[in-house]
Amino acid sequence: MQKADIARQIQQQARISKEDAASVLERILALLKTTLQGGEPIIISGFGKFTVRNKRPRPGRNPRTGETIMISARRAVTFHASLPFKAEIGSPLAQGEEGSTREHTSLKEYVTKITS
């Protein structure tokens, strides 16, 4: 799924214009970027947590020449999925198991189904 696909989904579900949907998506992404650039984590309940890690400089190797080089310090964005999100993605229904009658199911419905 690409950015345009997400904007199209917003447009269809919110019943707003294509331009408004694109604007909403751009504003959300700008907010996420600004927050992460400031070093603040983003926690979306039921989805996951985005954080920025500071990586120290480390020795590395040029794969072409084998020369040892120093890889500079950098910041990297990491994402850790929440347990409900992992459970939903890993469920047989989410993977399109044969016999499933629904494309999406809530975690509560899935847990009820497998425990009964």
C-alpha atoms as a PDB file:
ATOM      1  CA  MET A   1       0.000   0.000   0.000  1.00  0.00           C
ATOM      2  CA  GLN A   2       1.320   3.399  -0.930  1.00  0.00           C
ATOM      3  CA  LYS A   3       0.610   6.923   0.275  1.00  0.00           C
ATOM      4  CA  ALA A   4      -1.912   7.531  -2.531  1.00  0.00           C
ATOM      5  CA  ASP A   5      -3.774   4.351  -1.550  1.00  0.00           C
ATOM      6  CA  ILE A   6      -3.994   5.516   2.062  1.00  0.00           C
ATOM      7  CA  ALA A   7      -5.316   8.917   0.932  1.00  0.00           C
ATOM      8  CA  ARG A   8      -7.907   7.159  -1.247  1.00  0.00           C
ATOM      9  CA  GLN A   9      -9.052   5.060   1.737  1.00  0.00           C
ATOM     10  CA  ILE A  10      -9.368   8.210   3.866  1.00  0.00           C
ATOM     11  CA  GLN A  11     -11.347   9.879   1.071  1.00  0.00           C
ATOM     12  CA  GLN A  12     -13.761   6.959   0.733  1.00  0.00           C
ATOM     13  CA  GLN A  13     -14.279   6.285   4.427  1.00  0.00           C
ATOM     14  CA  ALA A  14     -14.558   9.919   5.527  1.00  0.00           C
ATOM     15  CA  ARG A  15     -16.476  10.912   2.382  1.00  0.00           C
ATOM     16  CA  ILE A  16     -14.304  13.949   1.775  1.00  0.00           C
ATOM     17  CA  SER A  17     -12.630  15.273  -1.353  1.00  0.00           C
ATOM     18  CA  LYS A  18      -9.434  13.741  -2.685  1.00  0.00           C
ATOM     19  CA  GLU A  19      -7.577  16.993  -1.927  1.00  0.00           C
ATOM     20  CA  ASP A  20      -8.857  17.112   1.654  1.00  0.00           C
ATOM     21  CA  ALA A  21      -7.901  13.472   2.205  1.00  0.00           C
ATOM     22  CA  ALA A  22      -4.392  14.109   0.868  1.00  0.00           C
ATOM     23  CA  SER A  23      -4.103  17.188   3.087  1.00  0.00           C
ATOM     24  CA  VAL A  24      -5.189  15.258   6.198  1.00  0.00           C
ATOM     25  CA  LEU A  25      -2.653  12.532   5.462  1.00  0.00           C
ATOM     26  CA  GLU A  26       0.130  15.078   4.867  1.00  0.00           C
ATOM     27  CA  ARG A  27      -0.650  16.818   8.172  1.00  0.00           C
ATOM     28  CA  ILE A  28      -0.633  13.538  10.089  1.00  0.00           C
ATOM     29  CA  LEU A  29       2.679  12.498   8.543  1.00  0.00           C
ATOM     30  CA  ALA A  30       4.189  15.935   9.230  1.00  0.00           C
ATOM     31  CA  LEU A  31       3.109  15.668  12.882  1.00  0.00           C
ATOM     32  CA  LEU A  32       4.661  12.201  13.174  1.00  0.00           C
ATOM     33  CA  LYS A  33       7.928  13.384  11.593  1.00  0.00           C
ATOM     34  CA  THR A  34       8.148  16.488  13.782  1.00  0.00           C
ATOM     35  CA  THR A  35       7.453  14.488  16.924  1.00  0.00           C
ATOM     36  CA  LEU A  36      10.103  11.886  16.094  1.00  0.00           C
ATOM     37  CA  GLN A  37      12.637  14.549  15.084  1.00  0.00           C
ATOM     38  CA  GLY A  38      12.166  16.023  18.565  1.00  0.00           C
ATOM     39  CA  GLY A  39      13.077  12.653  20.061  1.00  0.00           C
ATOM     40  CA  GLU A  40       9.608  12.025  21.471  1.00  0.00           C
ATOM     41  CA  PRO A  41       8.123   8.525  21.051  1.00  0.00           C
ATOM     42  CA  ILE A  42       4.772   8.013  19.332  1.00  0.00           C
ATOM     43  CA  ILE A  43       2.500   5.463  20.968  1.00  0.00           C
ATOM     44  CA  ILE A  44      -0.649   4.442  19.110  1.00  0.00           C
ATOM     45  CA  SER A  45      -2.761   2.244  21.361  1.00  0.00           C
ATOM     46  CA  GLY A  46      -3.581  -1.091  19.761  1.00  0.00           C
ATOM     47  CA  PHE A  47      -1.035  -0.507  16.984  1.00  0.00           C
ATOM     48  CA  GLY A  48       2.475   0.091  18.281  1.00  0.00           C
ATOM     49  CA  LYS A  49       5.247   2.450  19.311  1.00  0.00           C
ATOM     50  CA  PHE A  50       7.632   4.469  17.144  1.00  0.00           C
ATOM     51  CA  THR A  51      10.866   5.592  18.796  1.00  0.00           C
ATOM     52  CA  VAL A  52      14.146   7.149  17.719  1.00  0.00           C
ATOM     53  CA  ARG A  53      17.324   5.301  18.691  1.00  0.00           C
ATOM     54  CA  ASN A  54      20.700   6.984  18.825  1.00  0.00           C
ATOM     55  CA  LYS A  55      23.247   4.631  17.318  1.00  0.00           C
ATOM     56  CA  ARG A  56      26.895   5.000  18.263  1.00  0.00           C
ATOM     57  CA  PRO A  57      29.693   5.062  15.718  1.00  0.00           C
ATOM     58  CA  ARG A  58      31.001   1.584  14.939  1.00  0.00           C
ATOM     59  CA  PRO A  59      33.572  -0.104  12.772  1.00  0.00           C
ATOM     60  CA  GLY A  60      32.348  -1.629   9.549  1.00  0.00           C
ATOM     61  CA  ARG A  61      33.710  -3.074   6.362  1.00  0.00           C
ATOM     62  CA  ASN A  62      33.420  -2.011   2.737  1.00  0.00           C
ATOM     63  CA  PRO A  63      31.985  -5.168   1.150  1.00  0.00           C
ATOM     64  CA  ARG A  64      33.648  -4.455  -2.201  1.00  0.00           C
ATOM     65  CA  THR A  65      37.206  -3.821  -0.977  1.00  0.00           C
ATOM     66  CA  GLY A  66      37.186  -5.356   2.499  1.00  0.00           C
ATOM     67  CA  GLU A  67      38.580  -2.088   3.858  1.00  0.00           C
ATOM     68  CA  THR A  68      37.709  -1.299   7.481  1.00  0.00           C
ATOM     69  CA  ILE A  69      35.796   1.961   7.799  1.00  0.00           C
ATOM     70  CA  MET A  70      34.132   3.817  10.647  1.00  0.00           C
ATOM     71  CA  ILE A  71      30.337   4.063  10.361  1.00  0.00           C
ATOM     72  CA  SER A  72      29.246   7.397  11.793  1.00  0.00           C
ATOM     73  CA  ALA A  73      26.757   7.885  14.607  1.00  0.00           C
ATOM     74  CA  ARG A  74      23.161   8.260  13.467  1.00  0.00           C
ATOM     75  CA  ARG A  75      19.572   8.278  14.586  1.00  0.00           C
ATOM     76  CA  ALA A  76      17.238   5.503  13.464  1.00  0.00           C
ATOM     77  CA  VAL A  77      13.459   5.163  13.756  1.00  0.00           C
ATOM     78  CA  THR A  78      12.255   1.884  15.222  1.00  0.00           C
ATOM     79  CA  PHE A  79       8.757   0.425  15.427  1.00  0.00           C
ATOM     80  CA  HIS A  80       7.528  -2.121  17.937  1.00  0.00           C
ATOM     81  CA  ALA A  81       4.084  -3.579  17.256  1.00  0.00           C
ATOM     82  CA  SER A  82       1.645  -3.864  20.158  1.00  0.00           C
ATOM     83  CA  LEU A  83       0.585  -7.312  21.357  1.00  0.00           C
ATOM     84  CA  PRO A  84      -3.006  -6.969  20.067  1.00  0.00           C
ATOM     85  CA  PHE A  85      -1.686  -5.873  16.669  1.00  0.00           C
ATOM     86  CA  LYS A  86       0.759  -8.792  16.542  1.00  0.00           C
ATOM     87  CA  ALA A  87      -2.029 -11.187  17.507  1.00  0.00           C
ATOM     88  CA  GLU A  88      -4.342  -9.819  14.834  1.00  0.00           C
ATOM     89  CA  ILE A  89      -1.699  -9.950  12.106  1.00  0.00           C
ATOM     90  CA  GLY A  90      -0.594 -13.424  13.144  1.00  0.00           C
ATOM     91  CA  SER A  91      -4.114 -14.839  13.355  1.00  0.00           C
ATOM     92  CA  PRO A  92      -5.149 -17.476  10.789  1.00  0.00           C
ATOM     93  CA  LEU A  93      -8.069 -15.261   9.758  1.00  0.00           C
ATOM     94  CA  ALA A  94      -5.758 -12.342   9.003  1.00  0.00           C
ATOM     95  CA  GLN A  95      -3.568 -14.631   6.892  1.00  0.00           C
ATOM     96  CA  GLY A  96      -6.513 -15.671   4.734  1.00  0.00           C
ATOM     97  CA  GLU A  97      -6.834 -19.220   6.065  1.00  0.00           C
ATOM     98  CA  GLU A  98      -9.252 -21.331   4.068  1.00  0.00           C
ATOM     99  CA  GLY A  99     -12.720 -21.375   5.492  1.00  0.00           C
ATOM    100  CA  SER A 100     -12.549 -17.870   6.900  1.00  0.00           C
ATOM    101  CA  THR A 101     -15.690 -15.972   6.049  1.00  0.00           C
ATOM    102  CA  ARG A 102     -14.515 -12.504   7.027  1.00  0.00           C
ATOM    103  CA  GLU A 103     -11.571 -10.472   5.844  1.00  0.00           C
ATOM    104  CA  HIS A 104     -11.127  -8.743   9.209  1.00  0.00           C
ATOM    105  CA  THR A 105     -12.050  -9.788  12.692  1.00  0.00           C
ATOM    106  CA  SER A 106     -11.526  -8.113  16.015  1.00  0.00           C
ATOM    107  CA  LEU A 107      -9.038  -9.572  18.456  1.00  0.00           C
ATOM    108  CA  LYS A 108     -11.863 -10.215  20.933  1.00  0.00           C
ATOM    109  CA  GLU A 109     -13.854 -12.172  18.305  1.00  0.00           C
ATOM    110  CA  TYR A 110     -10.767 -14.162  17.317  1.00  0.00           C
ATOM    111  CA  VAL A 111      -9.892 -15.056  20.919  1.00  0.00           C
ATOM    112  CA  THR A 112     -13.503 -16.074  21.576  1.00  0.00           C
ATOM    113  CA  LYS A 113     -13.470 -18.267  18.460  1.00  0.00           C
ATOM    114  CA  ILE A 114     -10.247 -20.108  19.266  1.00  0.00           C
ATOM    115  CA  THR A 115     -11.055 -20.625  22.935  1.00  0.00           C
ATOM    116  CA  SER A 116     -14.576 -21.990  22.488  1.00  0.00           C
END
